[in-house]
Amino acid sequence: MRASDLIIDLVILGIILPSVIGFMMGRPVFVSYAYSDSMTPTINRWDVFFINPLSKGDVGDIIVFNLSGKWTVHRVYAITESGYITKGDNNVATDQQDNKNPPIPRNQVIGKVITLGGRPIKIPKLGKYLQSKDSHYLAIGLVALGGVMLGSNEKRRRKRRGKVIDTGTIYIALSALLAFGVVFTGSIAWGEISIPYTSTLAGGQREGWYLPGSVVERNVTVENYAKFPMVMVVEGEDIRRVFKLEGGEERKIEITIDVPEETRVYNKVIKVYPYYPILPLKLIDWANSKSPYLPLLMEGLMVFLGLLALKPLLGEPEYINLGRFWS
C-alpha cells in the first residue's frame, strides 16, 4: 500500500463516518442545510452547504453555531470580547439586537461555511429530503458510497500488487476510528441554552424585564435532534437533570431565576450534554459530574472493545509484504 492510498482511505472514512453519525444525531459536522429564509439569497431554504470544522470564521464569514439550542447558519457581523455578533443576510437586525440573544461564544461555533469565490458551495433543495421521514436512506447511501470508494481504491491496489495489508490490522484501525467518531461526534453535539434577561425597575413592561430581587420561573425546551434515543444531562447554576429522550422528542424544564438587585442585563446559561444510551443513566450522571468527556470516553471504549470481540468472526487474516508497504 502506498502512503497516498492510505491517506485517501483515511480521508474517506474520516469524512463519511462523522457525517453519518452527525446526521443521525441531528448535529451538523461537515454538511448541513438551511431550514429558514434568513440567509436568502446567499443560502436559500433547504440548500445543503459544506462546513469546515477547523475554522471558527472571522468578520464577513458565514458560520454554523448553536443559538439557544438551535443550529443556525448566519454571517459574522462583528466580533466582541464576549463573542460573535451574527446576522442573517435576509434579516434587518442582528441576532443580538435588543439583547434578544447574547454574543455567540467560540465554543458554540462548529465551523465556517466553505465558499468558492466568496459564494457558498451548496446543493439546492436537497435539505428538504434530509428532513423527511425517509432521510435515513441517505445515511445508508453515504455508507454505501464510502464502501464503493474504498472498494474501488482497494481493487486498484490489488491490480498492482495482490494482497496489500493484514485484514486484522485494517479491522482494528476501523474499530478505533469508529470509537473515535463516537467520541468526537458526541462531544460536538453539546450545546447551551441562553436565557437573557434584564433586572430593571421597569420590570414587567417588556418580555424578559424583571424587578430586582424577584424570583421568576421560566420554561426552556430541551430537544433531542437525533433520530434515535439519547440521554440528556441538563446542568445549570442551580439545576441538574438527567433523562432519556426518544428521537425527535422534546421536554420542557422549569428554570428558576433569582433576579439580582443590581439593574443591568444578565444571561443565564443552561448546558445540555447529549450522550448515547449505552451506559445506565446513573453511571452517565456520575461520570458527567467528574468530567463531561468521561461518559463519551467510556462509551467509545465500550464500542471499541465490542468490535474487537467480533474480530475472530473475520477468520484468518491476509498478510502483505511489509517491505513493499511504501512502494
C-alpha atoms as a PDB file:
ATOM      1  CA  MET A   1       0.000   0.000   0.000  1.00  0.00           C
ATOM      2  CA  ARG A   2       1.308   3.404  -0.926  1.00  0.00           C
ATOM      3  CA  ALA A   3       1.144   6.310   1.507  1.00  0.00           C
ATOM      4  CA  SER A   4      -1.238   8.134  -0.870  1.00  0.00           C
ATOM      5  CA  ASP A   5      -3.643   5.156  -0.838  1.00  0.00           C
ATOM      6  CA  LEU A   6      -3.639   5.067   2.953  1.00  0.00           C
ATOM      7  CA  ILE A   7      -4.294   8.805   3.129  1.00  0.00           C
ATOM      8  CA  ILE A   8      -7.200   8.523   0.668  1.00  0.00           C
ATOM      9  CA  ASP A   9      -8.809   5.757   2.745  1.00  0.00           C
ATOM     10  CA  LEU A  10      -8.440   7.729   5.968  1.00  0.00           C
ATOM     11  CA  VAL A  11      -9.886  10.873   4.368  1.00  0.00           C
ATOM     12  CA  ILE A  12     -12.887   8.935   3.035  1.00  0.00           C
ATOM     13  CA  LEU A  13     -13.557   7.312   6.405  1.00  0.00           C
ATOM     14  CA  GLY A  14     -12.761  10.472   8.356  1.00  0.00           C
ATOM     15  CA  ILE A  15     -15.346  12.495   6.427  1.00  0.00           C
ATOM     16  CA  ILE A  16     -18.138   9.997   5.768  1.00  0.00           C
ATOM     17  CA  LEU A  17     -18.175   8.342   9.203  1.00  0.00           C
ATOM     18  CA  PRO A  18     -18.544  11.535  11.301  1.00  0.00           C
ATOM     19  CA  SER A  19     -21.033  12.924   8.731  1.00  0.00           C
ATOM     20  CA  VAL A  20     -23.260   9.858   9.033  1.00  0.00           C
ATOM     21  CA  ILE A  21     -23.072   9.814  12.844  1.00  0.00           C
ATOM     22  CA  GLY A  22     -23.689  13.574  12.984  1.00  0.00           C
ATOM     23  CA  PHE A  23     -26.596  13.260  10.541  1.00  0.00           C
ATOM     24  CA  MET A  24     -28.238  10.555  12.657  1.00  0.00           C
ATOM     25  CA  MET A  25     -27.728  12.738  15.751  1.00  0.00           C
ATOM     26  CA  GLY A  26     -29.179  15.841  14.105  1.00  0.00           C
ATOM     27  CA  ARG A  27     -25.858  17.585  14.566  1.00  0.00           C
ATOM     28  CA  PRO A  28     -24.029  19.092  11.550  1.00  0.00           C
ATOM     29  CA  VAL A  29     -20.392  18.042  11.178  1.00  0.00           C
ATOM     30  CA  PHE A  30     -19.214  18.528   7.601  1.00  0.00           C
ATOM     31  CA  VAL A  31     -22.606  19.006   5.902  1.00  0.00           C
ATOM     32  CA  SER A  32     -25.838  20.782   6.851  1.00  0.00           C
ATOM     33  CA  TYR A  33     -28.793  22.623   5.321  1.00  0.00           C
ATOM     34  CA  ALA A  34     -30.757  25.834   5.880  1.00  0.00           C
ATOM     35  CA  TYR A  35     -34.276  25.429   7.287  1.00  0.00           C
ATOM     36  CA  SER A  36     -35.311  29.111   7.050  1.00  0.00           C
ATOM     37  CA  ASP A  37     -35.052  32.081   4.678  1.00  0.00           C
ATOM     38  CA  SER A  38     -32.802  34.148   6.962  1.00  0.00           C
ATOM     39  CA  MET A  39     -29.764  33.770   4.650  1.00  0.00           C
ATOM     40  CA  THR A  40     -31.625  34.214   1.333  1.00  0.00           C
ATOM     41  CA  PRO A  41     -30.387  34.672  -1.387  1.00  0.00           C
ATOM     42  CA  THR A  42     -26.889  33.575  -0.273  1.00  0.00           C
ATOM     43  CA  ILE A  43     -28.207  30.298   1.113  1.00  0.00           C
ATOM     44  CA  ASN A  44     -31.857  29.558   0.420  1.00  0.00           C
ATOM     45  CA  ARG A  45     -34.177  27.403   2.482  1.00  0.00           C
ATOM     46  CA  TRP A  46     -33.323  23.679   2.088  1.00  0.00           C
ATOM     47  CA  ASP A  47     -29.969  24.397   0.408  1.00  0.00           C
ATOM     48  CA  VAL A  48     -27.274  21.955   1.557  1.00  0.00           C
ATOM     49  CA  PHE A  49     -23.897  23.534   2.306  1.00  0.00           C
ATOM     50  CA  PHE A  50     -20.496  22.288   3.483  1.00  0.00           C
ATOM     51  CA  ILE A  51     -18.655  23.127   6.705  1.00  0.00           C
ATOM     52  CA  ASN A  52     -15.001  23.499   7.581  1.00  0.00           C
ATOM     53  CA  PRO A  53     -14.941  22.406  11.257  1.00  0.00           C
ATOM     54  CA  LEU A  54     -11.334  23.571  11.658  1.00  0.00           C
ATOM     55  CA  SER A  55     -12.230  27.263  11.230  1.00  0.00           C
ATOM     56  CA  LYS A  56     -14.256  29.450  13.588  1.00  0.00           C
ATOM     57  CA  GLY A  57     -14.631  32.208  10.977  1.00  0.00           C
ATOM     58  CA  ASP A  58     -13.995  35.931  11.001  1.00  0.00           C
ATOM     59  CA  VAL A  59     -15.984  39.085  10.284  1.00  0.00           C
ATOM     60  CA  GLY A  60     -17.832  38.594   6.991  1.00  0.00           C
ATOM     61  CA  ASP A  61     -17.657  34.799   7.092  1.00  0.00           C
ATOM     62  CA  ILE A  62     -20.709  32.555   7.318  1.00  0.00           C
ATOM     63  CA  ILE A  63     -20.595  30.287  10.357  1.00  0.00           C
ATOM     64  CA  VAL A  64     -22.688  27.497  11.852  1.00  0.00           C
ATOM     65  CA  PHE A  65     -23.382  27.821  15.571  1.00  0.00           C
ATOM     66  CA  ASN A  66     -25.700  26.938  18.402  1.00  0.00           C
ATOM     67  CA  LEU A  67     -28.196  29.724  19.099  1.00  0.00           C
ATOM     68  CA  SER A  68     -30.265  28.982  22.195  1.00  0.00           C
ATOM     69  CA  GLY A  69     -30.373  25.274  21.420  1.00  0.00           C
ATOM     70  CA  LYS A  70     -30.929  25.638  17.652  1.00  0.00           C
ATOM     71  CA  TRP A  71     -28.302  25.097  14.948  1.00  0.00           C
ATOM     72  CA  THR A  72     -28.094  28.313  12.935  1.00  0.00           C
ATOM     73  CA  VAL A  73     -26.171  29.441   9.854  1.00  0.00           C
ATOM     74  CA  HIS A  74     -25.595  33.233   9.802  1.00  0.00           C
ATOM     75  CA  ARG A  75     -22.876  35.676   8.867  1.00  0.00           C
ATOM     76  CA  VAL A  76     -20.420  37.167  11.370  1.00  0.00           C
ATOM     77  CA  TYR A  77     -21.372  40.843  11.670  1.00  0.00           C
ATOM     78  CA  ALA A  78     -18.807  41.747  14.333  1.00  0.00           C
ATOM     79  CA  ILE A  79     -16.601  40.143  16.992  1.00  0.00           C
ATOM     80  CA  THR A  80     -16.527  41.417  20.573  1.00  0.00           C
ATOM     81  CA  GLU A  81     -14.783  40.257  23.744  1.00  0.00           C
ATOM     82  CA  SER A  82     -17.969  38.357  24.633  1.00  0.00           C
ATOM     83  CA  GLY A  83     -18.234  36.561  21.307  1.00  0.00           C
ATOM     84  CA  TYR A  84     -19.649  36.843  17.793  1.00  0.00           C
ATOM     85  CA  ILE A  85     -22.376  39.255  16.713  1.00  0.00           C
ATOM     86  CA  THR A  86     -24.281  37.450  13.956  1.00  0.00           C
ATOM     87  CA  LYS A  87     -26.888  38.346  11.349  1.00  0.00           C
ATOM     88  CA  GLY A  88     -28.779  36.600   8.579  1.00  0.00           C
ATOM     89  CA  ASP A  89     -28.268  38.216   5.171  1.00  0.00           C
ATOM     90  CA  ASN A  90     -32.055  38.467   4.811  1.00  0.00           C
ATOM     91  CA  ASN A  91     -32.628  39.845   8.320  1.00  0.00           C
ATOM     92  CA  VAL A  92     -32.881  43.514   9.231  1.00  0.00           C
ATOM     93  CA  ALA A  93     -31.378  43.205  12.708  1.00  0.00           C
ATOM     94  CA  THR A  94     -28.590  41.163  14.244  1.00  0.00           C
ATOM     95  CA  ASP A  95     -29.397  38.129  16.358  1.00  0.00           C
ATOM     96  CA  GLN A  96     -28.211  40.077  19.413  1.00  0.00           C
ATOM     97  CA  GLN A  97     -30.174  43.321  18.915  1.00  0.00           C
ATOM     98  CA  ASP A  98     -32.175  44.474  21.956  1.00  0.00           C
ATOM     99  CA  ASN A  99     -30.417  41.746  23.992  1.00  0.00           C
ATOM    100  CA  LYS A 100     -32.552  39.109  22.296  1.00  0.00           C
ATOM    101  CA  ASN A 101     -29.570  36.749  22.349  1.00  0.00           C
ATOM    102  CA  PRO A 102     -26.092  37.053  23.874  1.00  0.00           C
ATOM    103  CA  PRO A 103     -22.986  37.108  21.643  1.00  0.00           C
ATOM    104  CA  ILE A 104     -22.038  33.663  20.381  1.00  0.00           C
ATOM    105  CA  PRO A 105     -19.004  32.229  22.226  1.00  0.00           C
ATOM    106  CA  ARG A 106     -16.354  30.473  20.133  1.00  0.00           C
ATOM    107  CA  ASN A 107     -17.106  27.102  21.698  1.00  0.00           C
ATOM    108  CA  GLN A 108     -20.634  27.261  20.228  1.00  0.00           C
ATOM    109  CA  VAL A 109     -19.316  27.733  16.672  1.00  0.00           C
ATOM    110  CA  ILE A 110     -18.863  24.380  14.931  1.00  0.00           C
ATOM    111  CA  GLY A 111     -17.289  25.701  11.747  1.00  0.00           C
ATOM    112  CA  LYS A 112     -17.244  28.052   8.780  1.00  0.00           C
ATOM    113  CA  VAL A 113     -19.282  27.519   5.617  1.00  0.00           C
ATOM    114  CA  ILE A 114     -16.983  26.592   2.727  1.00  0.00           C
ATOM    115  CA  THR A 115     -17.087  29.115  -0.109  1.00  0.00           C
ATOM    116  CA  LEU A 116     -15.636  29.381  -3.595  1.00  0.00           C
ATOM    117  CA  GLY A 117     -15.081  32.855  -4.974  1.00  0.00           C
ATOM    118  CA  GLY A 118     -16.972  34.273  -1.990  1.00  0.00           C
ATOM    119  CA  ARG A 119     -20.057  32.137  -2.680  1.00  0.00           C
ATOM    120  CA  PRO A 120     -21.059  29.116  -0.571  1.00  0.00           C
ATOM    121  CA  ILE A 121     -20.705  25.732  -2.228  1.00  0.00           C
ATOM    122  CA  LYS A 122     -24.230  24.346  -1.990  1.00  0.00           C
ATOM    123  CA  ILE A 123     -26.693  21.795  -3.347  1.00  0.00           C
ATOM    124  CA  PRO A 124     -30.122  23.452  -3.839  1.00  0.00           C
ATOM    125  CA  LYS A 125     -33.208  21.930  -2.196  1.00  0.00           C
ATOM    126  CA  LEU A 126     -31.533  18.687  -1.040  1.00  0.00           C
ATOM    127  CA  GLY A 127     -32.223  19.632   2.573  1.00  0.00           C
ATOM    128  CA  LYS A 128     -35.972  19.172   2.006  1.00  0.00           C
ATOM    129  CA  TYR A 129     -35.276  15.484   1.576  1.00  0.00           C
ATOM    130  CA  LEU A 130     -32.917  15.351   4.559  1.00  0.00           C
ATOM    131  CA  GLN A 131     -35.643  16.435   6.955  1.00  0.00           C
ATOM    132  CA  SER A 132     -38.194  13.937   5.573  1.00  0.00           C
ATOM    133  CA  LYS A 133     -39.079  10.612   7.180  1.00  0.00           C
ATOM    134  CA  ASP A 134     -37.084   8.747   4.536  1.00  0.00           C
ATOM    135  CA  SER A 135     -33.896  10.664   5.254  1.00  0.00           C
ATOM    136  CA  HIS A 136     -32.280   7.667   6.954  1.00  0.00           C
ATOM    137  CA  TYR A 137     -31.817   6.224   3.474  1.00  0.00           C
ATOM    138  CA  LEU A 138     -29.292   8.986   2.835  1.00  0.00           C
ATOM    139  CA  ALA A 139     -27.173   7.747   5.735  1.00  0.00           C
ATOM    140  CA  ILE A 140     -27.287   4.253   4.234  1.00  0.00           C
ATOM    141  CA  GLY A 141     -26.357   5.753   0.882  1.00  0.00           C
ATOM    142  CA  LEU A 142     -23.375   7.585   2.366  1.00  0.00           C
ATOM    143  CA  VAL A 143     -22.113   4.393   3.965  1.00  0.00           C
ATOM    144  CA  ALA A 144     -22.573   2.545   0.672  1.00  0.00           C
ATOM    145  CA  LEU A 145     -20.766   5.335  -1.178  1.00  0.00           C
ATOM    146  CA  GLY A 146     -17.870   5.110   1.244  1.00  0.00           C
ATOM    147  CA  GLY A 147     -17.751   1.355   0.764  1.00  0.00           C
ATOM    148  CA  VAL A 148     -17.716   1.707  -3.028  1.00  0.00           C
ATOM    149  CA  MET A 149     -14.963   4.327  -2.882  1.00  0.00           C
ATOM    150  CA  LEU A 150     -12.857   2.209  -0.542  1.00  0.00           C
ATOM    151  CA  GLY A 151     -13.542  -0.886  -2.629  1.00  0.00           C
ATOM    152  CA  SER A 152     -12.506   0.767  -5.877  1.00  0.00           C
ATOM    153  CA  ASN A 153      -9.351   2.051  -4.223  1.00  0.00           C
ATOM    154  CA  GLU A 154      -8.605  -1.455  -2.915  1.00  0.00           C
ATOM    155  CA  LYS A 155      -9.134  -3.018  -6.357  1.00  0.00           C
ATOM    156  CA  ARG A 156      -6.629  -0.631  -7.899  1.00  0.00           C
ATOM    157  CA  ARG A 157      -4.078  -1.650  -5.277  1.00  0.00           C
ATOM    158  CA  ARG A 158      -4.730  -5.359  -5.796  1.00  0.00           C
ATOM    159  CA  LYS A 159      -4.196  -4.961  -9.526  1.00  0.00           C
ATOM    160  CA  ARG A 160      -0.742  -3.589  -8.790  1.00  0.00           C
ATOM    161  CA  ARG A 161       0.421  -5.992  -6.054  1.00  0.00           C
ATOM    162  CA  GLY A 162      -2.220  -8.548  -4.955  1.00  0.00           C
ATOM    163  CA  LYS A 163      -2.510  -8.756  -1.157  1.00  0.00           C
ATOM    164  CA  VAL A 164      -1.888  -5.342   0.302  1.00  0.00           C
ATOM    165  CA  ILE A 165      -2.465  -5.360   4.053  1.00  0.00           C
ATOM    166  CA  ASP A 166      -3.325  -7.516   7.032  1.00  0.00           C
ATOM    167  CA  THR A 167      -7.136  -7.568   7.270  1.00  0.00           C
ATOM    168  CA  GLY A 168      -6.910  -7.881  11.048  1.00  0.00           C
ATOM    169  CA  THR A 169      -4.948  -4.643  11.223  1.00  0.00           C
ATOM    170  CA  ILE A 170      -7.499  -2.927   8.995  1.00  0.00           C
ATOM    171  CA  TYR A 171     -10.323  -4.112  11.265  1.00  0.00           C
ATOM    172  CA  ILE A 172      -8.597  -2.829  14.403  1.00  0.00           C
ATOM    173  CA  ALA A 173      -7.889   0.516  12.715  1.00  0.00           C
ATOM    174  CA  LEU A 174     -11.514   0.860  11.579  1.00  0.00           C
ATOM    175  CA  SER A 175     -12.740  -0.105  15.056  1.00  0.00           C
ATOM    176  CA  ALA A 176     -10.546   2.586  16.617  1.00  0.00           C
ATOM    177  CA  LEU A 177     -11.751   5.101  14.034  1.00  0.00           C
ATOM    178  CA  LEU A 178     -15.386   4.280  14.751  1.00  0.00           C
ATOM    179  CA  ALA A 179     -14.793   4.613  18.501  1.00  0.00           C
ATOM    180  CA  PHE A 180     -13.116   7.973  17.887  1.00  0.00           C
ATOM    181  CA  GLY A 181     -16.078   9.014  15.733  1.00  0.00           C
ATOM    182  CA  VAL A 182     -18.426   8.199  18.599  1.00  0.00           C
ATOM    183  CA  VAL A 183     -16.435  10.392  20.999  1.00  0.00           C
ATOM    184  CA  PHE A 184     -15.796  13.222  18.504  1.00  0.00           C
ATOM    185  CA  THR A 185     -19.344  13.484  17.167  1.00  0.00           C
ATOM    186  CA  GLY A 186     -20.844  13.107  20.618  1.00  0.00           C
ATOM    187  CA  SER A 187     -18.783  15.932  22.103  1.00  0.00           C
ATOM    188  CA  ILE A 188     -19.589  18.401  19.332  1.00  0.00           C
ATOM    189  CA  ALA A 189     -23.295  17.730  19.854  1.00  0.00           C
ATOM    190  CA  TRP A 190     -23.146  19.527  23.193  1.00  0.00           C
ATOM    191  CA  GLY A 191     -24.894  22.861  23.380  1.00  0.00           C
ATOM    192  CA  GLU A 192     -26.070  25.686  25.587  1.00  0.00           C
ATOM    193  CA  ILE A 193     -29.439  27.323  26.125  1.00  0.00           C
ATOM    194  CA  SER A 194     -29.110  31.026  26.879  1.00  0.00           C
ATOM    195  CA  ILE A 195     -31.795  32.906  28.820  1.00  0.00           C
ATOM    196  CA  PRO A 196     -31.079  36.639  28.566  1.00  0.00           C
ATOM    197  CA  TYR A 197     -32.995  38.882  30.963  1.00  0.00           C
ATOM    198  CA  THR A 198     -32.800  42.353  32.478  1.00  0.00           C
ATOM    199  CA  SER A 199     -33.015  43.409  36.102  1.00  0.00           C
ATOM    200  CA  THR A 200     -34.827  46.772  35.956  1.00  0.00           C
ATOM    201  CA  LEU A 201     -37.281  48.934  37.890  1.00  0.00           C
ATOM    202  CA  ALA A 202     -39.437  48.783  34.756  1.00  0.00           C
ATOM    203  CA  GLY A 203     -39.881  45.038  35.272  1.00  0.00           C
ATOM    204  CA  GLY A 204     -42.898  43.566  33.533  1.00  0.00           C
ATOM    205  CA  GLN A 205     -43.158  46.255  30.871  1.00  0.00           C
ATOM    206  CA  ARG A 206     -41.331  44.114  28.331  1.00  0.00           C
ATOM    207  CA  GLU A 207     -40.649  40.412  27.955  1.00  0.00           C
ATOM    208  CA  GLY A 208     -37.509  39.478  29.869  1.00  0.00           C
ATOM    209  CA  TRP A 209     -37.628  42.567  32.117  1.00  0.00           C
ATOM    210  CA  TYR A 210     -37.902  41.667  35.814  1.00  0.00           C
ATOM    211  CA  LEU A 211     -37.951  43.629  39.053  1.00  0.00           C
ATOM    212  CA  PRO A 212     -34.719  43.483  41.103  1.00  0.00           C
ATOM    213  CA  GLY A 213     -34.870  40.844  43.848  1.00  0.00           C
ATOM    214  CA  SER A 214     -37.803  38.992  42.304  1.00  0.00           C
ATOM    215  CA  VAL A 215     -37.938  35.255  41.605  1.00  0.00           C
ATOM    216  CA  VAL A 216     -39.092  34.227  38.150  1.00  0.00           C
ATOM    217  CA  GLU A 217     -39.957  30.826  36.701  1.00  0.00           C
ATOM    218  CA  ARG A 218     -39.080  30.258  33.032  1.00  0.00           C
ATOM    219  CA  ASN A 219     -39.551  27.212  30.832  1.00  0.00           C
ATOM    220  CA  VAL A 220     -36.808  26.050  28.474  1.00  0.00           C
ATOM    221  CA  THR A 221     -37.174  23.311  25.878  1.00  0.00           C
ATOM    222  CA  VAL A 222     -34.612  20.533  25.616  1.00  0.00           C
ATOM    223  CA  GLU A 223     -34.874  18.667  22.320  1.00  0.00           C
ATOM    224  CA  ASN A 224     -33.247  15.513  21.035  1.00  0.00           C
ATOM    225  CA  TYR A 225     -32.336  16.276  17.428  1.00  0.00           C
ATOM    226  CA  ALA A 226     -31.046  12.746  16.853  1.00  0.00           C
ATOM    227  CA  LYS A 227     -33.067  10.068  15.094  1.00  0.00           C
ATOM    228  CA  PHE A 228     -32.559   7.637  17.972  1.00  0.00           C
ATOM    229  CA  PRO A 229     -32.821   7.861  21.800  1.00  0.00           C
ATOM    230  CA  MET A 230     -30.255   9.923  23.684  1.00  0.00           C
ATOM    231  CA  VAL A 231     -29.564  10.543  27.354  1.00  0.00           C
ATOM    232  CA  MET A 232     -29.623  14.259  28.157  1.00  0.00           C
ATOM    233  CA  VAL A 233     -27.693  15.801  31.034  1.00  0.00           C
ATOM    234  CA  VAL A 234     -29.002  19.312  31.673  1.00  0.00           C
ATOM    235  CA  GLU A 235     -26.864  21.387  34.002  1.00  0.00           C
ATOM    236  CA  GLY A 236     -27.026  24.948  35.266  1.00  0.00           C
ATOM    237  CA  GLU A 237     -26.098  27.051  38.264  1.00  0.00           C
ATOM    238  CA  ASP A 238     -28.960  25.677  40.338  1.00  0.00           C
ATOM    239  CA  ILE A 239     -30.307  22.815  38.233  1.00  0.00           C
ATOM    240  CA  ARG A 240     -29.267  19.319  37.192  1.00  0.00           C
ATOM    241  CA  ARG A 241     -31.469  16.876  35.304  1.00  0.00           C
ATOM    242  CA  VAL A 242     -30.651  13.543  33.682  1.00  0.00           C
ATOM    243  CA  PHE A 243     -33.276  11.895  31.482  1.00  0.00           C
ATOM    244  CA  LYS A 244     -33.750   9.954  28.278  1.00  0.00           C
ATOM    245  CA  LEU A 245     -35.446  11.367  25.181  1.00  0.00           C
ATOM    246  CA  GLU A 246     -36.603   9.409  22.164  1.00  0.00           C
ATOM    247  CA  GLY A 247     -35.504  10.535  18.707  1.00  0.00           C
ATOM    248  CA  GLY A 248     -37.079  13.915  17.897  1.00  0.00           C
ATOM    249  CA  GLU A 249     -38.675  14.146  21.353  1.00  0.00           C
ATOM    250  CA  GLU A 250     -38.513  17.300  23.458  1.00  0.00           C
ATOM    251  CA  ARG A 251     -39.145  18.165  27.099  1.00  0.00           C
ATOM    252  CA  LYS A 252     -39.838  21.435  28.867  1.00  0.00           C
ATOM    253  CA  ILE A 253     -37.876  22.144  32.033  1.00  0.00           C
ATOM    254  CA  GLU A 254     -38.756  24.822  34.564  1.00  0.00           C
ATOM    255  CA  ILE A 255     -35.867  27.139  35.396  1.00  0.00           C
ATOM    256  CA  THR A 256     -35.798  29.437  38.427  1.00  0.00           C
ATOM    257  CA  ILE A 257     -34.220  32.871  38.014  1.00  0.00           C
ATOM    258  CA  ASP A 258     -33.250  34.804  41.138  1.00  0.00           C
ATOM    259  CA  VAL A 259     -33.093  38.309  39.724  1.00  0.00           C
ATOM    260  CA  PRO A 260     -30.118  40.252  41.178  1.00  0.00           C
ATOM    261  CA  GLU A 261     -30.622  43.608  42.864  1.00  0.00           C
ATOM    262  CA  GLU A 262     -28.162  45.327  40.522  1.00  0.00           C
ATOM    263  CA  THR A 263     -30.013  46.674  37.491  1.00  0.00           C
ATOM    264  CA  ARG A 264     -28.384  45.509  34.271  1.00  0.00           C
ATOM    265  CA  VAL A 265     -28.581  42.811  31.593  1.00  0.00           C
ATOM    266  CA  TYR A 266     -27.884  39.206  32.649  1.00  0.00           C
ATOM    267  CA  ASN A 267     -27.629  35.893  30.861  1.00  0.00           C
ATOM    268  CA  LYS A 268     -28.427  32.564  32.490  1.00  0.00           C
ATOM    269  CA  VAL A 269     -26.770  29.639  30.709  1.00  0.00           C
ATOM    270  CA  ILE A 270     -28.029  26.068  30.781  1.00  0.00           C
ATOM    271  CA  LYS A 271     -25.641  23.437  29.411  1.00  0.00           C
ATOM    272  CA  VAL A 272     -27.000  20.408  27.577  1.00  0.00           C
ATOM    273  CA  TYR A 273     -24.882  17.262  27.174  1.00  0.00           C
ATOM    274  CA  PRO A 274     -26.394  14.513  24.968  1.00  0.00           C
ATOM    275  CA  TYR A 275     -24.945  11.014  25.373  1.00  0.00           C
ATOM    276  CA  TYR A 276     -25.560   7.720  23.612  1.00  0.00           C
ATOM    277  CA  PRO A 277     -27.859   5.392  25.622  1.00  0.00           C
ATOM    278  CA  ILE A 278     -25.106   2.804  26.083  1.00  0.00           C
ATOM    279  CA  LEU A 279     -24.467   3.275  29.794  1.00  0.00           C
ATOM    280  CA  PRO A 280     -27.035   3.341  32.653  1.00  0.00           C
ATOM    281  CA  LEU A 281     -28.415   6.818  33.480  1.00  0.00           C
ATOM    282  CA  LYS A 282     -26.879   6.805  36.964  1.00  0.00           C
ATOM    283  CA  LEU A 283     -23.445   5.952  35.583  1.00  0.00           C
ATOM    284  CA  ILE A 284     -23.713   8.709  32.958  1.00  0.00           C
ATOM    285  CA  ASP A 285     -24.762  11.155  35.668  1.00  0.00           C
ATOM    286  CA  TRP A 286     -21.816  10.193  37.885  1.00  0.00           C
ATOM    287  CA  ALA A 287     -19.274  10.253  35.048  1.00  0.00           C
ATOM    288  CA  ASN A 288     -20.519  13.605  33.758  1.00  0.00           C
ATOM    289  CA  SER A 289     -20.194  15.101  37.244  1.00  0.00           C
ATOM    290  CA  LYS A 290     -16.479  14.210  37.104  1.00  0.00           C
ATOM    291  CA  SER A 291     -15.959  15.414  33.522  1.00  0.00           C
ATOM    292  CA  PRO A 292     -18.339  15.871  30.570  1.00  0.00           C
ATOM    293  CA  TYR A 293     -15.878  13.882  28.432  1.00  0.00           C
ATOM    294  CA  LEU A 294     -15.761  10.849  30.732  1.00  0.00           C
ATOM    295  CA  PRO A 295     -19.094   9.279  29.625  1.00  0.00           C
ATOM    296  CA  LEU A 296     -18.064   9.638  25.967  1.00  0.00           C
ATOM    297  CA  LEU A 297     -14.670   8.072  26.590  1.00  0.00           C
ATOM    298  CA  MET A 298     -16.338   5.177  28.415  1.00  0.00           C
ATOM    299  CA  GLU A 299     -18.831   4.703  25.584  1.00  0.00           C
ATOM    300  CA  GLY A 300     -16.118   4.930  22.943  1.00  0.00           C
ATOM    301  CA  LEU A 301     -14.087   2.305  24.808  1.00  0.00           C
ATOM    302  CA  MET A 302     -17.129   0.004  25.006  1.00  0.00           C
ATOM    303  CA  VAL A 303     -17.692   0.355  21.247  1.00  0.00           C
ATOM    304  CA  PHE A 304     -14.029  -0.393  20.538  1.00  0.00           C
ATOM    305  CA  LEU A 305     -13.922  -3.441  22.844  1.00  0.00           C
ATOM    306  CA  GLY A 306     -17.226  -4.703  21.448  1.00  0.00           C
ATOM    307  CA  LEU A 307     -15.888  -4.525  17.892  1.00  0.00           C
ATOM    308  CA  LEU A 308     -12.661  -6.241  18.942  1.00  0.00           C
ATOM    309  CA  ALA A 309     -14.739  -9.062  20.433  1.00  0.00           C
ATOM    310  CA  LEU A 310     -16.203  -9.639  16.964  1.00  0.00           C
ATOM    311  CA  LYS A 311     -12.770  -9.770  15.287  1.00  0.00           C
ATOM    312  CA  PRO A 312     -12.473 -13.616  15.414  1.00  0.00           C
ATOM    313  CA  LEU A 313     -15.504 -13.794  13.095  1.00  0.00           C
ATOM    314  CA  LEU A 314     -13.309 -12.409  10.310  1.00  0.00           C
ATOM    315  CA  GLY A 315     -11.407 -15.681  10.094  1.00  0.00           C
ATOM    316  CA  GLU A 316      -7.748 -15.971   9.220  1.00  0.00           C
ATOM    317  CA  PRO A 317      -6.109 -12.643   8.271  1.00  0.00           C
ATOM    318  CA  GLU A 318      -4.368 -11.961   4.981  1.00  0.00           C
ATOM    319  CA  TYR A 319      -0.807 -10.662   5.065  1.00  0.00           C
ATOM    320  CA  ILE A 320       1.286  -8.448   2.831  1.00  0.00           C
ATOM    321  CA  ASN A 321       4.954  -7.919   2.187  1.00  0.00           C
ATOM    322  CA  LEU A 322       5.662  -5.074   4.589  1.00  0.00           C
ATOM    323  CA  GLY A 323       8.858  -4.278   2.708  1.00  0.00           C
ATOM    324  CA  ARG A 324       6.706  -3.023  -0.157  1.00  0.00           C
ATOM    325  CA  PHE A 325       4.316  -1.057   2.066  1.00  0.00           C
ATOM    326  CA  TRP A 326       5.529   2.375   0.992  1.00  0.00           C
ATOM    327  CA  SER A 327       6.454   1.466  -2.589  1.00  0.00           C
END
